[in-house]
N, C-alpha and C. Protein backbone atom coordinates (compact mmCIF):
# COMPACT_ATOMS: atom_id res chain seq x y z
N ASN A 1 25.29 134.66 111.24
CA ASN A 1 26.42 135.09 110.43
C ASN A 1 26.10 134.98 108.94
N ARG A 2 25.24 134.04 108.58
CA ARG A 2 24.88 133.92 107.16
C ARG A 2 24.08 135.12 106.66
N LEU A 3 23.28 135.72 107.53
CA LEU A 3 22.42 136.83 107.13
C LEU A 3 23.21 138.09 106.79
N CYS A 4 24.23 138.40 107.59
CA CYS A 4 24.93 139.66 107.36
C CYS A 4 26.45 139.54 107.45
N GLY A 5 26.98 138.32 107.46
CA GLY A 5 28.43 138.18 107.54
C GLY A 5 28.95 138.87 108.78
N GLY A 6 30.12 139.38 108.71
CA GLY A 6 30.62 140.20 109.80
C GLY A 6 31.30 139.43 110.91
N ARG A 7 31.52 140.15 111.98
CA ARG A 7 32.27 139.63 113.13
C ARG A 7 31.41 139.74 114.38
N LEU A 8 31.38 138.66 115.15
CA LEU A 8 30.59 138.58 116.38
C LEU A 8 31.52 138.31 117.55
N VAL A 9 31.39 139.09 118.61
CA VAL A 9 32.24 138.95 119.79
C VAL A 9 31.36 138.84 121.04
N GLY A 10 31.68 137.93 121.93
CA GLY A 10 30.98 137.83 123.20
C GLY A 10 29.76 136.94 123.20
N ALA A 11 29.55 136.15 122.17
CA ALA A 11 28.36 135.30 122.09
C ALA A 11 28.63 133.94 122.73
N GLU A 12 28.92 133.96 124.01
CA GLU A 12 29.11 132.70 124.72
C GLU A 12 28.35 132.75 126.05
N GLN A 13 28.07 131.57 126.57
CA GLN A 13 27.32 131.48 127.81
C GLN A 13 28.01 132.25 128.92
N GLY A 14 27.21 133.02 129.66
CA GLY A 14 27.74 133.81 130.77
C GLY A 14 28.21 135.20 130.38
N SER A 15 28.23 135.49 129.09
CA SER A 15 28.68 136.81 128.62
C SER A 15 27.67 137.88 129.00
N CYS A 16 28.15 139.03 129.40
CA CYS A 16 27.28 140.17 129.73
C CYS A 16 27.21 141.18 128.59
N GLU A 17 27.99 140.97 127.56
CA GLU A 17 28.04 141.92 126.46
C GLU A 17 28.29 141.19 125.14
N VAL A 18 27.56 141.59 124.11
CA VAL A 18 27.72 141.02 122.78
C VAL A 18 27.86 142.19 121.81
N ALA A 19 28.77 142.06 120.87
CA ALA A 19 28.94 143.10 119.85
C ALA A 19 29.05 142.44 118.48
N MET A 20 28.49 143.10 117.47
CA MET A 20 28.56 142.57 116.11
C MET A 20 28.81 143.69 115.13
N TRP A 21 29.64 143.41 114.16
CA TRP A 21 29.95 144.35 113.09
C TRP A 21 29.56 143.68 111.77
N PRO A 22 28.36 144.03 111.21
CA PRO A 22 27.91 143.39 109.96
C PRO A 22 28.76 143.84 108.78
N GLN A 23 28.82 143.00 107.75
CA GLN A 23 29.64 143.29 106.57
C GLN A 23 28.85 143.34 105.27
N GLY A 24 27.59 143.08 105.31
CA GLY A 24 26.78 143.06 104.09
C GLY A 24 25.68 142.02 104.25
N PHE A 25 24.53 142.26 103.65
CA PHE A 25 23.39 141.38 103.88
C PHE A 25 23.20 140.43 102.71
N THR A 26 22.78 139.21 103.03
CA THR A 26 22.59 138.15 102.05
C THR A 26 21.15 137.64 102.14
N SER A 27 20.50 137.50 100.99
CA SER A 27 19.14 136.94 100.97
C SER A 27 19.19 135.44 101.19
N GLY A 28 18.08 134.89 101.69
CA GLY A 28 18.00 133.45 101.89
C GLY A 28 16.83 133.07 102.75
N ASP A 29 16.74 131.79 103.05
CA ASP A 29 15.73 131.25 103.94
C ASP A 29 16.43 130.94 105.25
N PHE A 30 16.07 131.66 106.30
CA PHE A 30 16.78 131.56 107.57
C PHE A 30 15.89 130.89 108.61
N LYS A 31 16.41 129.83 109.22
CA LYS A 31 15.71 129.11 110.28
C LYS A 31 16.58 129.11 111.51
N VAL A 32 15.98 129.50 112.65
CA VAL A 32 16.72 129.58 113.90
C VAL A 32 15.95 128.83 114.97
N ASP A 33 16.66 128.02 115.74
CA ASP A 33 16.06 127.29 116.85
C ASP A 33 16.90 127.58 118.09
N THR A 34 16.28 128.13 119.13
CA THR A 34 17.02 128.46 120.34
C THR A 34 17.54 127.20 121.03
N GLY A 35 16.90 126.04 120.75
CA GLY A 35 17.32 124.79 121.38
C GLY A 35 16.84 124.69 122.82
N THR A 36 16.19 125.74 123.29
CA THR A 36 15.67 125.78 124.66
C THR A 36 14.35 126.54 124.61
N ALA A 37 13.89 126.97 125.76
CA ALA A 37 12.69 127.82 125.81
C ALA A 37 13.06 129.29 125.59
N GLY A 38 14.26 129.55 125.10
CA GLY A 38 14.70 130.92 124.83
C GLY A 38 13.74 131.63 123.89
N SER A 39 13.70 132.92 123.96
CA SER A 39 12.71 133.72 123.26
C SER A 39 12.92 133.79 121.75
N CYS A 40 11.95 133.26 121.01
CA CYS A 40 12.01 133.40 119.56
C CYS A 40 11.62 134.81 119.14
N THR A 41 10.89 135.55 119.98
CA THR A 41 10.54 136.93 119.63
C THR A 41 11.79 137.83 119.67
N LEU A 42 12.71 137.57 120.59
CA LEU A 42 13.95 138.35 120.59
C LEU A 42 14.78 138.06 119.35
N LEU A 43 14.80 136.79 118.93
CA LEU A 43 15.52 136.44 117.69
C LEU A 43 14.91 137.18 116.50
N ALA A 44 13.58 137.22 116.46
CA ALA A 44 12.92 137.92 115.36
C ALA A 44 13.21 139.42 115.40
N GLN A 45 13.25 140.02 116.59
CA GLN A 45 13.54 141.46 116.69
C GLN A 45 14.94 141.77 116.18
N ILE A 46 15.84 140.84 116.34
CA ILE A 46 17.21 141.04 115.84
C ILE A 46 17.25 140.85 114.32
N ALA A 47 16.56 139.85 113.82
CA ALA A 47 16.64 139.50 112.41
C ALA A 47 15.84 140.43 111.50
N LEU A 48 14.67 140.89 111.94
CA LEU A 48 13.80 141.66 111.06
C LEU A 48 14.44 142.92 110.46
N PRO A 49 15.13 143.74 111.24
CA PRO A 49 15.76 144.91 110.61
C PRO A 49 16.79 144.52 109.54
N CYS A 50 17.52 143.46 109.76
CA CYS A 50 18.50 143.00 108.76
C CYS A 50 17.80 142.49 107.52
N LEU A 51 16.68 141.77 107.71
CA LEU A 51 15.95 141.22 106.57
C LEU A 51 15.38 142.31 105.67
N LEU A 52 15.16 143.50 106.21
CA LEU A 52 14.67 144.61 105.39
C LEU A 52 15.66 145.00 104.30
N PHE A 53 16.92 144.65 104.47
CA PHE A 53 17.96 144.98 103.49
C PHE A 53 18.21 143.86 102.50
N THR A 54 17.37 142.82 102.52
CA THR A 54 17.49 141.71 101.57
C THR A 54 16.22 141.66 100.73
N SER A 55 16.23 140.83 99.71
CA SER A 55 15.00 140.66 98.92
C SER A 55 14.69 139.17 98.84
N GLY A 56 13.42 138.84 99.02
CA GLY A 56 12.98 137.45 98.90
C GLY A 56 13.40 136.55 100.04
N SER A 57 13.76 137.09 101.18
CA SER A 57 14.18 136.26 102.31
C SER A 57 13.00 135.83 103.16
N THR A 58 13.17 134.70 103.83
CA THR A 58 12.19 134.23 104.81
C THR A 58 12.91 133.97 106.12
N PHE A 59 12.15 134.05 107.22
CA PHE A 59 12.71 133.81 108.55
C PHE A 59 11.72 132.97 109.34
N SER A 60 12.19 131.92 109.96
CA SER A 60 11.35 131.18 110.90
C SER A 60 12.18 130.89 112.14
N GLY A 61 11.54 131.09 113.28
CA GLY A 61 12.22 130.87 114.55
C GLY A 61 11.45 129.89 115.41
N ARG A 62 12.19 129.13 116.19
CA ARG A 62 11.59 128.16 117.09
C ARG A 62 12.14 128.40 118.48
N GLY A 63 11.23 128.52 119.44
CA GLY A 63 11.63 128.76 120.82
C GLY A 63 10.45 129.22 121.63
N GLY A 64 10.72 129.81 122.77
CA GLY A 64 9.65 130.27 123.65
C GLY A 64 8.94 131.48 123.08
N THR A 65 7.64 131.58 123.39
CA THR A 65 6.85 132.70 122.88
C THR A 65 6.44 133.68 123.98
N ASP A 66 6.48 133.27 125.22
CA ASP A 66 6.13 134.13 126.35
C ASP A 66 7.16 133.89 127.45
N VAL A 67 8.33 134.50 127.28
CA VAL A 67 9.50 134.28 128.13
C VAL A 67 9.75 135.54 128.96
N ASN A 68 10.13 135.37 130.21
CA ASN A 68 10.44 136.53 131.05
C ASN A 68 11.44 137.46 130.37
N TRP A 69 11.24 138.77 130.54
CA TRP A 69 12.13 139.82 130.03
C TRP A 69 12.20 139.86 128.51
N SER A 70 11.19 139.32 127.85
CA SER A 70 11.13 139.33 126.39
C SER A 70 9.72 139.74 125.97
N PRO A 71 9.60 140.34 124.79
CA PRO A 71 8.25 140.68 124.33
C PRO A 71 7.44 139.41 124.06
N PRO A 72 6.19 139.36 124.53
CA PRO A 72 5.36 138.17 124.26
C PRO A 72 4.99 138.09 122.79
N ILE A 73 4.66 136.90 122.35
CA ILE A 73 4.33 136.69 120.94
C ILE A 73 3.13 137.54 120.52
N ASP A 74 2.19 137.79 121.43
CA ASP A 74 1.03 138.60 121.07
C ASP A 74 1.42 140.04 120.73
N GLU A 75 2.45 140.56 121.36
CA GLU A 75 2.91 141.90 121.00
C GLU A 75 3.41 141.92 119.56
N MET A 76 4.15 140.91 119.18
CA MET A 76 4.65 140.84 117.82
C MET A 76 3.50 140.62 116.84
N ARG A 77 2.61 139.73 117.20
CA ARG A 77 1.49 139.38 116.31
C ARG A 77 0.52 140.55 116.14
N LEU A 78 0.23 141.27 117.21
CA LEU A 78 -0.80 142.31 117.16
C LEU A 78 -0.26 143.72 116.91
N CYS A 79 0.97 143.99 117.32
CA CYS A 79 1.52 145.35 117.21
C CYS A 79 2.54 145.49 116.09
N LEU A 80 3.48 144.59 116.06
CA LEU A 80 4.55 144.70 115.06
C LEU A 80 4.06 144.31 113.66
N MET A 81 3.28 143.24 113.59
CA MET A 81 2.80 142.74 112.30
C MET A 81 1.29 142.56 112.33
N PRO A 82 0.53 143.66 112.42
CA PRO A 82 -0.93 143.54 112.54
C PRO A 82 -1.58 142.99 111.26
């Protein structure tokens, strides 16, 4: 919510659908921890397009790097950011 403000609906355990309406982007240093083995690559895929609309921002994520149904870290390392 700090990155783009807005309204988030459905972000609770067991939800099958999540929707977000951003309201404007804010620069900053963003750190995210899934708190589990959840995929940090999925978090990065969500954050990176938003970060393109800020200046001087940083992003660091902590979580799983090779999680089922998520892009592996090597895909991000070798393809997305060669």
